[in-house]
């Protein structure tokens, strides 16, 4: 997967506020690039990054069982709407992040930078760094 797309995915993930979530497909749609599988692959490769990985879930609100167990304390701390099923799941649409105008402008800037990079324009600086994450 192209590093430009991965950087853009991580930039969007970093924007999702506490107490809200997006599906893998939502992230791809906001970027206008890739799809749920590409976002899922990028998230699987995000080990060691300081990203709120627990806010990005499958369209049905679940994560793989091992990740759901690790995500649940984050979800509860952030008061994310959760169904207490087995495995637990995020309650969509109640939990879905609905960006405001300013947030959409920031998302659009990431999408435009990605499109420009794909066309050969200068790079995208997401500022995600390589901090130590919990994933």
Protein backbone atom coordinates (compact mmCIF):
# COMPACT_ATOMS: atom_id res chain seq x y z
CA UNK A 1 0.00 0.00 0.00
CA UNK A 2 1.30 3.45 -0.90
CA UNK A 3 2.85 5.33 2.02
CA UNK A 4 0.98 8.48 1.00
CA UNK A 5 -2.38 6.79 1.55
CA UNK A 6 -1.24 5.31 4.86
CA UNK A 7 -0.08 8.74 6.07
CA UNK A 8 -3.43 10.24 5.09
CA UNK A 9 -5.33 7.45 6.85
CA UNK A 10 -3.32 8.06 10.02
CA UNK A 11 -3.98 11.80 9.77
CA UNK A 12 -7.74 11.16 9.66
CA UNK A 13 -7.58 8.65 12.53
CA UNK A 14 -5.73 11.22 14.64
CA UNK A 15 -8.59 13.71 14.08
CA UNK A 16 -11.36 11.47 15.46
CA UNK A 17 -12.30 12.98 18.83
CA UNK A 18 -12.61 11.14 22.12
CA UNK A 19 -16.00 9.48 22.53
CA UNK A 20 -16.56 9.12 18.78
CA UNK A 21 -15.74 6.44 16.22
CA UNK A 22 -15.58 5.80 12.49
CA UNK A 23 -15.72 2.64 10.46
CA UNK A 24 -12.87 1.66 8.17
CA UNK A 25 -15.13 2.59 5.25
CA UNK A 26 -15.93 5.99 6.78
CA UNK A 27 -12.21 6.83 6.86
CA UNK A 28 -11.80 5.85 3.20
CA UNK A 29 -14.89 7.85 2.23
CA UNK A 30 -13.65 10.97 4.02
CA UNK A 31 -10.36 10.68 2.13
CA UNK A 32 -12.00 9.89 -1.19
CA UNK A 33 -9.34 7.19 -1.60
CA UNK A 34 -8.84 3.53 -0.82
CA UNK A 35 -11.49 1.44 0.82
CA UNK A 36 -12.24 -0.37 4.08
CA UNK A 37 -9.63 -3.06 3.41
CA UNK A 38 -6.87 -0.50 2.81
CA UNK A 39 -7.81 1.34 6.01
CA UNK A 40 -7.88 -1.96 7.92
CA UNK A 41 -4.45 -2.90 6.56
CA UNK A 42 -3.06 0.51 7.56
CA UNK A 43 -4.52 0.16 11.05
CA UNK A 44 -3.04 -3.33 11.39
CA UNK A 45 0.35 -1.81 10.54
CA UNK A 46 -0.01 1.05 13.04
CA UNK A 47 1.58 -0.84 15.94
CA UNK A 48 3.83 1.49 17.87
CA UNK A 49 2.22 4.69 16.60
CA UNK A 50 0.48 7.09 18.93
CA UNK A 51 -2.96 6.76 17.30
CA UNK A 52 -6.42 6.26 18.84
CA UNK A 53 -6.81 2.90 17.03
CA UNK A 54 -9.81 1.90 19.18
CA UNK A 55 -11.91 4.61 17.50
CA UNK A 56 -11.73 2.90 14.08
CA UNK A 57 -13.91 -0.21 13.86
CA UNK A 58 -15.73 -2.43 11.40
CA UNK A 59 -19.02 -1.20 9.92
CA UNK A 60 -20.95 -3.31 12.46
CA UNK A 61 -19.07 -1.61 15.34
CA UNK A 62 -16.87 -4.59 16.18
CA UNK A 63 -13.16 -5.28 16.26
CA UNK A 64 -11.46 -8.68 16.27
CA UNK A 65 -12.04 -10.28 19.69
CA UNK A 66 -8.47 -9.70 20.94
CA UNK A 67 -8.58 -6.02 19.96
CA UNK A 68 -12.14 -5.55 21.30
CA UNK A 69 -10.96 -6.70 24.73
CA UNK A 70 -8.16 -4.12 24.63
CA UNK A 71 -10.41 -1.41 23.18
CA UNK A 72 -13.23 -1.78 25.73
CA UNK A 73 -11.46 0.11 28.55
CA UNK A 74 -10.78 2.99 26.11
CA UNK A 75 -14.40 2.97 24.93
CA UNK A 76 -15.70 3.03 28.51
CA UNK A 77 -13.26 5.76 29.61
CA UNK A 78 -14.29 7.92 26.63
CA UNK A 79 -17.99 7.15 27.21
CA UNK A 80 -18.30 5.87 23.66
CA UNK A 81 -21.76 4.37 23.09
CA UNK A 82 -21.13 0.61 23.36
CA UNK A 83 -23.36 -2.46 23.20
CA UNK A 84 -22.35 -4.94 25.86
CA UNK A 85 -22.49 -7.95 23.60
CA UNK A 86 -19.82 -10.58 23.17
CA UNK A 87 -17.65 -9.27 21.71
CA UNK A 88 -18.58 -5.71 22.68
CA UNK A 89 -19.35 -3.34 19.84
CA UNK A 90 -19.57 0.38 19.22
CA UNK A 91 -23.16 1.55 18.71
CA UNK A 92 -23.51 3.13 15.29
CA UNK A 93 -24.93 5.62 14.38
CA UNK A 94 -24.88 7.03 17.94
CA UNK A 95 -21.07 6.84 18.15
CA UNK A 96 -20.26 7.95 14.59
CA UNK A 97 -18.19 11.12 14.39
CA UNK A 98 -19.99 13.88 12.52
CA UNK A 99 -17.31 16.48 11.73
CA UNK A 100 -18.25 20.14 12.00
CA UNK A 101 -17.36 22.71 9.36
CA UNK A 102 -13.85 23.33 10.71
CA UNK A 103 -13.16 19.62 11.04
CA UNK A 104 -14.38 19.03 7.48
CA UNK A 105 -11.97 21.72 6.30
CA UNK A 106 -9.08 19.88 8.00
CA UNK A 107 -10.24 16.56 6.50
CA UNK A 108 -10.53 18.14 3.07
CA UNK A 109 -6.97 19.48 3.40
CA UNK A 110 -5.70 15.93 4.04
CA UNK A 111 -7.70 14.57 1.07
CA UNK A 112 -6.44 17.34 -1.23
CA UNK A 113 -2.84 16.80 -0.12
CA UNK A 114 -3.23 13.08 -0.83
CA UNK A 115 -4.69 13.77 -4.28
CA UNK A 116 -1.89 16.23 -5.03
CA UNK A 117 0.76 13.74 -3.90
CA UNK A 118 -0.76 11.07 -6.09
CA UNK A 119 -0.47 13.53 -8.96
CA UNK A 120 3.20 14.20 -8.11
CA UNK A 121 2.85 17.37 -6.00
CA UNK A 122 4.82 17.96 -2.73
CA UNK A 123 4.33 15.62 0.25
CA UNK A 124 1.87 15.41 3.08
CA UNK A 125 3.11 16.09 6.59
CA UNK A 126 0.62 14.44 8.96
CA UNK A 127 2.62 14.96 12.13
CA UNK A 128 1.68 11.49 13.43
CA UNK A 129 5.31 10.75 14.27
CA UNK A 130 6.37 7.42 15.65
CA UNK A 131 5.41 7.74 19.33
CA UNK A 132 4.74 4.63 21.37
CA UNK A 133 1.09 3.59 21.20
CA UNK A 134 -0.81 0.88 23.05
CA UNK A 135 -1.74 -1.26 20.07
